[in-house]
């Protein structure tokens, strides 16, 4: 009852916002507080790990840092696409040629002009490492790039591609770095500095301790109110909370930075503010259809009915993550599809197994043709949450005669095994906006993550893949929605994924800090919009 009450309080009390911009600030002129005192202009942020490699053409760095150092050609906002380094653009009638008019008088923070030639140098560096980026379908359709003059940049594709501008708005790999940072015109093997055109510059950092970003005084856009951002590295959740309470930090931001217990303590606080976003991604379990047992659709469907999503939501997340009925939340574009959820019903689960020939053995484990119903669930050992869910499911499935062995591996090993298909069942999440649904679905056609291997046992795998390909090149909105409906329905009925909860982004911060909101990218922290009262 207490948890249900907490969920109701949170639903009414937490701010749900989703705004995004490029170079936009809430109130850059804010310099004094309501008492007439000069407003604070330095923000202390916290992250659980170091900034790492901030090369925007690779994937190792922290995206919150990359998003304030670098700019892209366009920005993705709630109101559609907005010009960033490209002031405007045109698309050819056949949808294959994009011509961008590059903004005048934009300079990298090292003084280098960011014109079409600099952007061409960036794209050439990205294309040199093309194989690393083919999870973005645009790279597979790319014919060529050019800069006819210093004000014009052109991208040519072999076919029309509707998510084109969305992918160009992703901070990596399409953010622009100063050509002076490239090594012989290349970035695939590293860079010699982190110089961009964004609202902040990196001025200092000590590995695993802190990083300092200061306002870019030559920034082409509206100057942010916060002049200096210090990011402290604090791996432990409780230590981060204590630092906030002591006034040592101002803001904790991110879906993995705050647990439900911490959030619940500050809902009614005057000193601190709590905010939650709309669903960002779906926490789920992937079932490997090539597995001898999981190749049986009845077993996959029984697992769906045996999974109590409501109990996981309330018991582990205090209702902060809502139960997930489908692979993508209905708020995701094209995903508001009429799918019948797999209701939690252990009687139905048992009946499905009985009818499929899985009978209860004397040891309490079901058998079929001499084969015991034993499965293995792989989780990321760095995630306490995944371990907790695994232990809960192990106990629940046991009651139905399903033996679930659980084991965790450190993150890189876990990801390597997932990509290689070395799993029966494995935890995963959807990619979140702006990558869902188009990019995450496109990646199902190749061994990018575990989806490809998991789906290989489906009779309709080729048909699903072709429909995804057709989605990406369709220029007809009605046809595109029909194709999305087909793909999402097939994956749902094939029971490849067990959706658990819809993740949301979380923020806890001092109430003096204003302008905190959630952007279109779940990893972006909109520092440029923040200011202190």
Protein backbone atom coordinates (compact mmCIF):
# COMPACT_ATOMS: atom_id res chain seq x y z
CA UNK A 1 0.00 0.00 0.00
CA UNK A 2 2.84 2.37 0.90
CA UNK A 3 4.46 1.87 -2.50
CA UNK A 4 1.20 2.38 -4.35
CA UNK A 5 0.61 5.58 -2.43
CA UNK A 6 4.13 6.72 -3.27
CA UNK A 7 3.48 6.05 -6.96
CA UNK A 8 0.35 8.19 -6.86
CA UNK A 9 2.18 11.03 -5.12
CA UNK A 10 5.01 10.88 -7.63
CA UNK A 11 2.63 10.90 -10.57
CA UNK A 12 1.10 14.13 -9.37
CA UNK A 13 4.20 15.81 -8.02
CA UNK A 14 6.96 15.19 -10.52
CA UNK A 15 7.57 17.43 -13.50
CA UNK A 16 7.27 15.63 -16.81
CA UNK A 17 8.99 17.66 -19.49
CA UNK A 18 10.57 16.98 -22.82
CA UNK A 19 12.22 19.95 -24.50
CA UNK A 20 15.24 20.16 -26.72
CA UNK A 21 17.22 22.85 -28.54
CA UNK A 22 20.61 23.74 -29.95
CA UNK A 23 22.23 26.74 -28.33
CA UNK A 24 19.05 27.75 -26.51
CA UNK A 25 19.04 29.07 -22.95
CA UNK A 26 16.14 29.61 -20.58
CA UNK A 27 17.21 33.01 -19.28
CA UNK A 28 20.76 34.06 -20.17
CA UNK A 29 20.22 37.49 -18.71
CA UNK A 30 19.54 36.15 -15.23
CA UNK A 31 22.30 37.64 -13.08
CA UNK A 32 20.59 38.48 -9.84
CA UNK A 33 18.41 36.55 -7.41
CA UNK A 34 15.07 37.68 -6.06
CA UNK A 35 16.88 39.19 -3.05
CA UNK A 36 19.00 41.46 -5.22
CA UNK A 37 22.11 39.33 -4.70
CA UNK A 38 24.24 38.21 -7.62
CA UNK A 39 23.05 34.82 -8.83
CA UNK A 40 25.35 31.82 -8.72
CA UNK A 41 26.88 31.08 -12.13
CA UNK A 42 28.87 27.91 -11.41
CA UNK A 43 27.24 24.49 -11.43
CA UNK A 44 28.62 21.36 -9.81
CA UNK A 45 27.40 18.21 -11.54
CA UNK A 46 28.17 14.57 -10.73
CA UNK A 47 28.67 11.43 -12.78
CA UNK A 48 29.41 7.86 -11.82
CA UNK A 49 32.45 7.62 -14.07
CA UNK A 50 35.08 9.67 -15.87
CA UNK A 51 34.45 11.61 -19.12
CA UNK A 52 36.62 9.08 -20.99
CA UNK A 53 37.45 9.55 -24.70
CA UNK A 54 35.39 12.49 -26.02
CA UNK A 55 36.13 11.84 -29.70
CA UNK A 56 32.63 12.49 -31.15
CA UNK A 57 33.18 10.06 -34.03
CA UNK A 58 33.56 7.08 -31.67
CA UNK A 59 31.43 5.75 -28.84
CA UNK A 60 33.50 5.61 -25.65
CA UNK A 61 32.96 9.10 -24.24
CA UNK A 62 30.25 10.49 -21.99
CA UNK A 63 27.51 11.92 -24.18
CA UNK A 64 26.56 14.72 -21.76
CA UNK A 65 30.09 16.09 -22.26
CA UNK A 66 30.14 15.59 -26.03
CA UNK A 67 26.80 17.38 -26.38
CA UNK A 68 28.11 20.61 -24.82
CA UNK A 69 31.47 20.57 -26.63
CA UNK A 70 30.24 19.82 -30.13
CA UNK A 71 27.44 20.71 -32.54
CA UNK A 72 25.72 18.78 -35.32
CA UNK A 73 24.28 19.99 -38.62
CA UNK A 74 20.73 19.92 -37.23
CA UNK A 75 19.08 19.58 -33.84
CA UNK A 76 16.11 17.41 -32.91
CA UNK A 77 13.41 19.22 -30.94
CA UNK A 78 9.84 18.58 -29.83
CA UNK A 79 8.75 20.81 -32.69
CA UNK A 80 10.78 19.00 -35.31
CA UNK A 81 14.23 19.66 -36.77
CA UNK A 82 16.00 22.92 -36.13
CA UNK A 83 19.06 24.35 -37.82
CA UNK A 84 22.31 24.14 -35.89
CA UNK A 85 25.57 24.33 -37.87
CA UNK A 86 23.37 24.18 -40.94
CA UNK A 87 21.18 27.27 -41.02
CA UNK A 88 18.82 25.70 -43.57
CA UNK A 89 18.63 22.79 -46.00
CA UNK A 90 16.78 21.47 -49.03
CA UNK A 91 15.92 17.90 -50.05
CA UNK A 92 15.72 16.85 -53.68
CA UNK A 93 12.41 15.64 -55.12
CA UNK A 94 13.56 12.02 -55.13
CA UNK A 95 14.65 12.32 -51.46
CA UNK A 96 18.23 11.31 -52.22
CA UNK A 97 20.18 14.60 -52.11
CA UNK A 98 20.41 16.83 -49.03
CA UNK A 99 21.93 20.27 -49.52
CA UNK A 100 22.86 22.20 -46.37
CA UNK A 101 23.46 25.94 -46.14
CA UNK A 102 26.19 26.25 -43.49
CA UNK A 103 25.84 28.99 -40.88
CA UNK A 104 28.19 31.96 -41.34
CA UNK A 105 30.89 33.02 -38.88
CA UNK A 106 30.93 29.91 -36.71
CA UNK A 107 34.34 29.07 -35.27
CA UNK A 108 35.74 26.12 -33.38
CA UNK A 109 37.01 27.15 -29.97
CA UNK A 110 40.59 27.00 -31.31
CA UNK A 111 39.73 29.77 -33.79
CA UNK A 112 39.33 27.53 -36.87
CA UNK A 113 36.43 28.46 -39.15
CA UNK A 114 33.64 25.88 -39.18
CA UNK A 115 32.62 26.13 -42.82
CA UNK A 116 31.53 23.48 -45.32
CA UNK A 117 35.14 22.42 -45.85
CA UNK A 118 35.57 21.69 -42.13
CA UNK A 119 32.33 19.73 -42.14
CA UNK A 120 33.49 17.79 -45.20
CA UNK A 121 36.72 16.92 -43.36
CA UNK A 122 34.62 15.55 -40.49
CA UNK A 123 32.43 13.45 -42.76
CA UNK A 124 35.46 12.09 -44.60
CA UNK A 125 36.89 11.03 -41.23
CA UNK A 126 33.60 9.40 -40.26
CA UNK A 127 33.31 7.60 -43.61
CA UNK A 128 36.88 6.32 -43.32
CA UNK A 129 35.64 4.32 -40.32
CA UNK A 130 32.35 3.44 -42.00
CA UNK A 131 32.18 -0.14 -40.75
CA UNK A 132 31.95 1.17 -37.20
CA UNK A 133 28.84 3.17 -38.03
CA UNK A 134 26.74 0.83 -40.17
CA UNK A 135 24.24 0.43 -37.34
CA UNK A 136 22.97 3.70 -38.83
CA UNK A 137 21.32 2.77 -42.11
CA UNK A 138 22.29 6.13 -43.62
CA UNK A 139 25.88 4.88 -43.80
CA UNK A 140 24.76 1.92 -45.91
CA UNK A 141 22.90 4.17 -48.35
CA UNK A 142 25.60 6.84 -48.60
CA UNK A 143 26.84 7.56 -52.13
CA UNK A 144 29.04 10.54 -51.34
CA UNK A 145 29.55 13.92 -49.66
CA UNK A 146 30.89 17.17 -51.09
CA UNK A 147 31.42 20.86 -50.42
CA UNK A 148 30.78 22.74 -53.68
CA UNK A 149 31.78 25.94 -51.88
CA UNK A 150 32.57 27.07 -48.36
CA UNK A 151 28.89 27.72 -47.58
CA UNK A 152 27.37 24.51 -49.00
CA UNK A 153 27.57 20.89 -47.91
CA UNK A 154 25.89 18.07 -49.86
CA UNK A 155 25.04 14.48 -48.93
CA UNK A 156 23.90 12.06 -51.64
CA UNK A 157 22.13 8.76 -50.92
CA UNK A 158 21.32 5.82 -53.18
CA UNK A 159 17.71 5.75 -51.94
CA UNK A 160 15.44 8.05 -49.96
CA UNK A 161 15.80 7.58 -46.23
CA UNK A 162 13.21 9.06 -43.88
CA UNK A 163 15.29 9.06 -40.62
CA UNK A 164 18.14 10.96 -42.32
CA UNK A 165 17.81 14.21 -40.36
CA UNK A 166 17.27 12.30 -37.12
CA UNK A 167 20.57 10.49 -37.53
CA UNK A 168 22.38 13.71 -38.47
CA UNK A 169 21.06 15.20 -35.22
CA UNK A 170 22.66 12.45 -33.11
CA UNK A 171 25.65 13.78 -31.20
CA UNK A 172 27.75 10.84 -32.33
CA UNK A 173 29.07 10.06 -34.77
CA UNK A 174 27.88 13.21 -36.60
CA UNK A 175 29.16 15.99 -34.32
CA UNK A 176 31.87 18.26 -35.71
CA UNK A 177 35.37 18.44 -34.22
CA UNK A 178 38.09 20.89 -35.25
CA UNK A 179 40.16 19.47 -38.14
CA UNK A 180 43.23 20.52 -36.13
CA UNK A 181 42.38 17.73 -33.66
CA UNK A 182 42.46 15.05 -36.35
CA UNK A 183 45.48 12.84 -36.83
CA UNK A 184 46.44 13.07 -40.51
CA UNK A 185 42.82 13.89 -41.34
CA UNK A 186 41.52 10.88 -39.43
CA UNK A 187 39.68 10.29 -36.14
CA UNK A 188 39.24 6.50 -36.18
CA UNK A 189 42.42 5.93 -34.18
CA UNK A 190 42.00 8.89 -31.83
CA UNK A 191 42.20 12.67 -31.75
CA UNK A 192 44.63 15.22 -30.35
CA UNK A 193 42.10 17.38 -28.53
CA UNK A 194 38.40 17.88 -27.88
CA UNK A 195 37.70 21.13 -29.72
CA UNK A 196 34.18 21.86 -30.94
CA UNK A 197 31.81 24.75 -31.63
CA UNK A 198 29.48 24.09 -28.68
CA UNK A 199 28.54 26.34 -25.75
CA UNK A 200 31.31 25.01 -23.48
CA UNK A 201 35.00 24.12 -23.66
CA UNK A 202 36.87 21.54 -21.61
CA UNK A 203 39.49 23.38 -19.54
CA UNK A 204 40.67 20.81 -17.00
CA UNK A 205 40.21 17.21 -15.96
CA UNK A 206 41.80 14.59 -13.74
CA UNK A 207 40.96 11.02 -14.65
CA UNK A 208 38.41 9.44 -12.29
CA UNK A 209 38.23 12.63 -10.19
CA UNK A 210 36.73 15.61 -12.01
CA UNK A 211 36.34 17.56 -15.26
CA UNK A 212 35.83 21.31 -15.72
CA UNK A 213 33.92 22.93 -18.57
CA UNK A 214 33.83 26.71 -19.03
CA UNK A 215 31.58 28.82 -21.19
CA UNK A 216 32.76 29.24 -24.76
CA UNK A 217 32.97 33.01 -25.03
CA UNK A 218 33.09 32.75 -28.82
CA UNK A 219 30.00 30.55 -29.04
CA UNK A 220 27.87 31.35 -32.08
CA UNK A 221 24.56 30.89 -30.26
CA UNK A 222 22.98 32.47 -27.22
CA UNK A 223 25.40 32.45 -24.28
CA UNK A 224 24.39 30.07 -21.46
CA UNK A 225 23.89 31.57 -17.99
CA UNK A 226 26.08 28.96 -16.29
CA UNK A 227 29.69 30.06 -16.80
CA UNK A 228 31.45 27.04 -15.31
CA UNK A 229 30.48 23.38 -14.88
CA UNK A 230 32.53 21.17 -12.60
CA UNK A 231 31.77 17.46 -12.91
CA UNK A 232 32.77 15.30 -9.96
CA UNK A 233 33.22 11.55 -10.32
CA UNK A 234 31.32 9.73 -7.55
CA UNK A 235 30.61 6.07 -8.39
CA UNK A 236 28.49 5.28 -5.33
CA UNK A 237 24.81 6.23 -5.31
CA UNK A 238 24.54 6.97 -1.58
CA UNK A 239 27.73 9.04 -1.63
CA UNK A 240 26.24 11.15 -4.44
CA UNK A 241 23.10 11.75 -2.38
CA UNK A 242 25.15 12.78 0.66
CA UNK A 243 27.17 15.19 -1.49
CA UNK A 244 23.93 16.81 -2.68
CA UNK A 245 22.62 17.12 0.88
CA UNK A 246 25.89 18.75 2.00
CA UNK A 247 25.74 21.27 -0.84
CA UNK A 248 28.85 19.85 -2.51
CA UNK A 249 26.97 19.26 -5.78
CA UNK A 250 23.94 20.93 -7.36
CA UNK A 251 22.52 18.35 -9.75
CA UNK A 252 22.17 14.58 -10.16
CA UNK A 253 20.83 13.71 -13.62
CA UNK A 254 20.40 10.41 -15.47
CA UNK A 255 18.28 7.28 -15.48
CA UNK A 256 21.01 5.20 -13.82
CA UNK A 257 22.16 7.87 -11.37
CA UNK A 258 19.26 7.67 -8.92
CA UNK A 259 17.42 4.73 -7.41
CA UNK A 260 13.79 4.64 -6.31
CA UNK A 261 14.64 4.94 -2.61
CA UNK A 262 16.59 8.15 -3.19
CA UNK A 263 13.84 9.68 -5.30
CA UNK A 264 11.14 8.85 -2.74
CA UNK A 265 12.96 10.72 0.01
CA UNK A 266 12.81 14.08 -1.76
CA UNK A 267 9.35 14.22 -3.34
CA UNK A 268 8.04 16.70 -0.75
CA UNK A 269 11.32 18.53 -0.15
CA UNK A 270 11.49 22.34 -0.33
CA UNK A 271 15.27 22.28 -0.58
CA UNK A 272 15.46 19.90 -3.54
CA UNK A 273 13.41 19.26 -6.66
CA UNK A 274 12.65 15.90 -8.27
CA UNK A 275 11.81 15.47 -11.97
CA UNK A 276 10.99 12.42 -14.05
CA UNK A 277 10.73 12.23 -17.82
CA UNK A 278 8.28 10.40 -20.02
CA UNK A 279 9.41 6.82 -20.86
CA UNK A 280 12.83 6.86 -22.49
CA UNK A 281 13.41 3.18 -23.20
CA UNK A 282 12.15 -0.28 -22.32
CA UNK A 283 13.89 -2.63 -19.93
CA UNK A 284 13.38 -6.14 -21.32
CA UNK A 285 14.68 -9.69 -21.62
CA UNK A 286 15.64 -11.09 -25.02
CA UNK A 287 14.82 -14.75 -25.72
CA UNK A 288 17.13 -16.65 -28.06
CA UNK A 289 14.87 -18.44 -30.56
CA UNK A 290 17.79 -20.58 -31.81
CA UNK A 291 17.99 -22.22 -28.39
CA UNK A 292 16.70 -25.82 -28.29
CA UNK A 293 14.01 -25.01 -25.71
CA UNK A 294 13.30 -21.36 -26.51
CA UNK A 295 12.81 -22.26 -30.15
CA UNK A 296 9.43 -23.53 -28.91
CA UNK A 297 7.07 -20.56 -29.22
CA UNK A 298 4.86 -22.03 -26.49
CA UNK A 299 7.71 -21.79 -23.98
CA UNK A 300 8.33 -18.16 -24.94
CA UNK A 301 4.64 -17.35 -24.57
CA UNK A 302 4.46 -19.15 -21.22
CA UNK A 303 7.37 -17.05 -19.93
CA UNK A 304 5.48 -13.92 -20.96
CA UNK A 305 2.44 -14.95 -18.89
CA UNK A 306 4.67 -16.03 -15.98
CA UNK A 307 6.32 -12.60 -15.65
CA UNK A 308 4.69 -10.25 -13.14
CA UNK A 309 5.62 -6.84 -14.51
CA UNK A 310 3.44 -5.03 -11.98
CA UNK A 311 5.32 -6.67 -9.09
CA UNK A 312 8.67 -5.70 -10.62
CA UNK A 313 7.48 -2.12 -11.13
CA UNK A 314 6.14 -1.71 -7.60
CA UNK A 315 8.48 -3.95 -5.66
CA UNK A 316 11.79 -2.93 -7.23
CA UNK A 317 11.14 0.52 -8.71
CA UNK A 318 8.49 1.90 -6.31
CA UNK A 319 6.34 2.54 -9.35
CA UNK A 320 8.85 4.96 -10.86
CA UNK A 321 9.26 2.64 -13.84
CA UNK A 322 5.83 1.68 -15.10
CA UNK A 323 5.06 -1.90 -16.20
CA UNK A 324 5.82 -2.45 -19.89
CA UNK A 325 3.33 -4.34 -22.06
CA UNK A 326 5.17 -3.86 -25.35
CA UNK A 327 8.71 -3.57 -26.66
CA UNK A 328 8.30 0.18 -27.25
CA UNK A 329 6.13 2.60 -25.28
CA UNK A 330 3.12 3.89 -27.18
CA UNK A 331 4.57 7.42 -26.87
CA UNK A 332 7.39 6.43 -29.26
CA UNK A 333 6.66 7.49 -32.88
CA UNK A 334 4.87 4.80 -34.93
CA UNK A 335 4.57 2.52 -31.88
CA UNK A 336 1.01 3.24 -30.76
CA UNK A 337 -0.07 -0.09 -32.19
CA UNK A 338 -3.03 -2.17 -31.01
CA UNK A 339 -1.26 -5.15 -29.43
CA UNK A 340 -2.85 -7.43 -26.84
CA UNK A 341 -0.56 -7.55 -23.79
CA UNK A 342 0.53 -10.88 -22.33
CA UNK A 343 -1.39 -10.75 -19.06
CA UNK A 344 0.30 -12.08 -15.95
CA UNK A 345 -1.49 -15.36 -15.31
CA UNK A 346 0.39 -18.38 -13.94
CA UNK A 347 -2.57 -20.66 -14.67
CA UNK A 348 -2.45 -19.71 -18.35
CA UNK A 349 1.34 -20.13 -18.37
CA UNK A 350 1.02 -23.62 -16.91
CA UNK A 351 -1.72 -24.56 -19.36
CA UNK A 352 0.37 -23.39 -22.34
CA UNK A 353 3.27 -25.57 -21.17
CA UNK A 354 1.01 -28.56 -20.52
CA UNK A 355 -0.49 -28.34 -24.00
CA UNK A 356 3.00 -28.07 -25.53
CA UNK A 357 3.99 -31.33 -23.83
CA UNK A 358 6.08 -29.94 -20.99
CA UNK A 359 4.92 -32.06 -18.05
CA UNK A 360 5.88 -31.63 -14.41
CA UNK A 361 8.61 -34.00 -13.24
CA UNK A 362 8.94 -35.57 -9.82
CA UNK A 363 11.68 -33.07 -8.94
CA UNK A 364 9.37 -30.12 -9.67
CA UNK A 365 10.97 -29.33 -13.05
CA UNK A 366 9.03 -29.82 -16.27
CA UNK A 367 10.29 -32.22 -18.93
CA UNK A 368 9.60 -33.00 -22.57
CA UNK A 369 11.10 -35.93 -24.50
CA UNK A 370 13.60 -36.44 -21.68
CA UNK A 371 14.72 -32.78 -21.78
CA UNK A 372 14.32 -30.71 -18.61
CA UNK A 373 12.94 -27.17 -18.87
CA UNK A 374 16.17 -25.48 -17.78
CA UNK A 375 17.18 -22.01 -18.99
CA UNK A 376 20.03 -19.60 -18.33
CA UNK A 377 19.58 -15.84 -17.76
CA UNK A 378 22.60 -13.59 -18.35
CA UNK A 379 22.79 -10.17 -16.68
CA UNK A 380 25.29 -7.34 -16.31
CA UNK A 381 27.00 -7.92 -12.96
CA UNK A 382 27.54 -4.15 -12.64
CA UNK A 383 23.76 -3.73 -12.39
CA UNK A 384 22.31 -4.40 -8.94
CA UNK A 385 18.85 -3.97 -10.45
CA UNK A 386 19.31 -6.72 -13.03
CA UNK A 387 20.60 -9.09 -10.36
CA UNK A 388 17.56 -8.36 -8.18
CA UNK A 389 15.13 -8.95 -11.06
CA UNK A 390 16.97 -12.16 -11.98
CA UNK A 391 16.63 -13.56 -8.46
CA UNK A 392 12.94 -12.65 -8.38
CA UNK A 393 12.23 -14.35 -11.73
CA UNK A 394 14.23 -17.40 -10.71
CA UNK A 395 11.95 -17.83 -7.71
CA UNK A 396 8.75 -17.17 -9.66
CA UNK A 397 9.53 -19.43 -12.62
CA UNK A 398 10.50 -22.25 -10.26
CA UNK A 399 6.88 -22.39 -9.06
CA UNK A 400 5.83 -23.26 -12.63
CA UNK A 401 8.43 -25.95 -13.05
CA UNK A 402 10.92 -23.80 -14.97
CA UNK A 403 14.50 -23.99 -13.73
CA UNK A 404 16.22 -20.65 -14.30
CA UNK A 405 19.98 -20.48 -13.79
CA UNK A 406 21.20 -16.90 -13.39
CA UNK A 407 24.70 -15.54 -13.75
CA UNK A 408 26.27 -12.13 -14.15
CA UNK A 409 29.29 -11.03 -16.14
CA UNK A 410 31.13 -7.73 -16.18
CA UNK A 411 29.81 -5.28 -18.74
CA UNK A 412 32.16 -5.88 -21.68
CA UNK A 413 31.94 -9.66 -21.41
CA UNK A 414 28.17 -9.45 -21.05
CA UNK A 415 27.90 -7.29 -24.18
CA UNK A 416 30.29 -9.51 -26.18
CA UNK A 417 28.27 -12.62 -25.37
CA UNK A 418 25.01 -10.85 -26.16
CA UNK A 419 26.30 -9.70 -29.56
CA UNK A 420 27.62 -13.18 -30.35
CA UNK A 421 24.33 -14.85 -29.39
CA UNK A 422 25.92 -16.76 -26.52
CA UNK A 423 22.84 -16.69 -24.29
CA UNK A 424 19.48 -18.31 -23.64
CA UNK A 425 17.94 -15.20 -22.09
CA UNK A 426 19.65 -11.85 -21.61
CA UNK A 427 18.77 -8.41 -20.23
CA UNK A 428 18.73 -5.50 -22.63
CA UNK A 429 17.11 -2.11 -23.11
CA UNK A 430 15.72 -0.32 -26.14
CA UNK A 431 17.91 2.48 -27.41
CA UNK A 432 15.65 5.38 -26.49
CA UNK A 433 14.93 8.53 -28.44
CA UNK A 434 16.06 9.66 -30.95
CA UNK A 435 17.23 6.16 -31.95
CA UNK A 436 13.87 4.42 -31.43
CA UNK A 437 12.26 2.87 -33.25
CA UNK A 438 14.06 3.25 -36.58
CA UNK A 439 17.72 2.74 -35.61
CA UNK A 440 17.15 0.02 -33.04
CA UNK A 441 14.94 -1.90 -35.48
CA UNK A 442 17.44 -1.42 -38.32
CA UNK A 443 20.15 -2.92 -36.12
CA UNK A 444 18.10 -6.11 -35.71
CA UNK A 445 19.10 -7.08 -39.25
CA UNK A 446 22.78 -7.50 -38.37
CA UNK A 447 24.77 -8.69 -35.31
CA UNK A 448 24.95 -5.28 -33.61
CA UNK A 449 23.51 -6.45 -30.29
CA UNK A 450 21.69 -9.61 -29.27
CA UNK A 451 18.52 -9.04 -31.34
CA UNK A 452 19.89 -10.48 -34.56
CA UNK A 453 21.04 -13.76 -33.03
CA UNK A 454 17.89 -14.04 -30.93
CA UNK A 455 15.61 -13.75 -33.96
CA UNK A 456 17.44 -16.22 -36.22
CA UNK A 457 15.16 -19.05 -35.11
CA UNK A 458 12.02 -17.26 -36.34
CA UNK A 459 10.38 -18.63 -39.46
CA UNK A 460 9.46 -15.09 -40.51
CA UNK A 461 12.87 -13.52 -39.79
CA UNK A 462 13.55 -12.70 -43.47
CA UNK A 463 10.09 -11.17 -43.84
CA UNK A 464 10.59 -9.02 -40.73
CA UNK A 465 14.00 -7.85 -41.95
CA UNK A 466 12.63 -6.92 -45.37
CA UNK A 467 9.80 -4.95 -43.78
CA UNK A 468 12.33 -3.03 -41.66
CA UNK A 469 14.35 -2.22 -44.79
CA UNK A 470 11.18 -1.04 -46.54
CA UNK A 471 10.31 1.16 -43.54
CA UNK A 472 13.59 3.03 -43.80
CA UNK A 473 13.26 3.85 -47.49
CA UNK A 474 9.50 4.43 -47.63
CA UNK A 475 8.41 7.93 -48.57
CA UNK A 476 4.73 7.26 -47.89
CA UNK A 477 3.70 7.96 -44.29
CA UNK A 478 0.69 5.61 -44.40
CA UNK A 479 2.74 2.77 -45.85
CA UNK A 480 5.46 3.38 -43.27
CA UNK A 481 3.00 3.10 -40.39
CA UNK A 482 1.58 -0.11 -41.86
CA UNK A 483 5.07 -1.59 -42.07
CA UNK A 484 5.87 -0.57 -38.49
CA UNK A 485 2.60 -2.15 -37.37
CA UNK A 486 3.50 -5.37 -39.15
CA UNK A 487 7.00 -5.59 -37.64
CA UNK A 488 5.93 -4.72 -34.10
CA UNK A 489 3.01 -7.15 -34.28
CA UNK A 490 5.19 -10.00 -35.54
CA UNK A 491 7.83 -9.50 -32.83
CA UNK A 492 5.11 -9.29 -30.19
CA UNK A 493 3.28 -12.41 -31.33
CA UNK A 494 6.56 -14.29 -31.78
CA UNK A 495 7.21 -13.48 -28.10
CA UNK A 496 10.91 -12.76 -28.67
CA UNK A 497 11.04 -10.06 -25.99
CA UNK A 498 9.74 -9.99 -22.43
CA UNK A 499 9.13 -6.28 -21.72
CA UNK A 500 9.56 -5.49 -18.02
CA UNK A 501 9.33 -1.77 -17.30
CA UNK A 502 9.58 1.54 -19.12
CA UNK A 503 12.70 3.35 -17.98
CA UNK A 504 12.55 7.09 -17.42
CA UNK A 505 15.15 9.79 -16.99
CA UNK A 506 15.54 11.19 -13.47
CA UNK A 507 16.85 14.42 -11.98
CA UNK A 508 17.37 15.53 -8.37
CA UNK A 509 18.72 19.02 -7.80
CA UNK A 510 18.84 22.03 -5.53
CA UNK A 511 15.64 24.04 -5.88
CA UNK A 512 17.67 27.18 -6.66
CA UNK A 513 18.58 25.65 -10.02
CA UNK A 514 16.11 26.50 -12.80
CA UNK A 515 15.73 25.41 -16.42
CA UNK A 516 16.26 21.70 -15.74
CA UNK A 517 14.39 19.60 -18.30
CA UNK A 518 14.75 16.45 -20.38
CA UNK A 519 15.80 16.61 -24.01
CA UNK A 520 15.03 14.44 -27.02
CA UNK A 521 18.16 12.40 -26.32
CA UNK A 522 18.11 10.63 -22.97
CA UNK A 523 21.88 11.05 -22.55
CA UNK A 524 21.91 14.80 -23.12
CA UNK A 525 22.00 17.09 -20.05
CA UNK A 526 20.74 20.56 -21.13
CA UNK A 527 23.24 22.65 -19.15
CA UNK A 528 22.91 25.56 -21.60
CA UNK A 529 19.29 26.06 -20.49
CA UNK A 530 20.01 26.10 -16.74
CA UNK A 531 20.47 29.04 -14.42
CA UNK A 532 20.32 29.81 -10.70
CA UNK A 533 17.69 32.02 -9.10
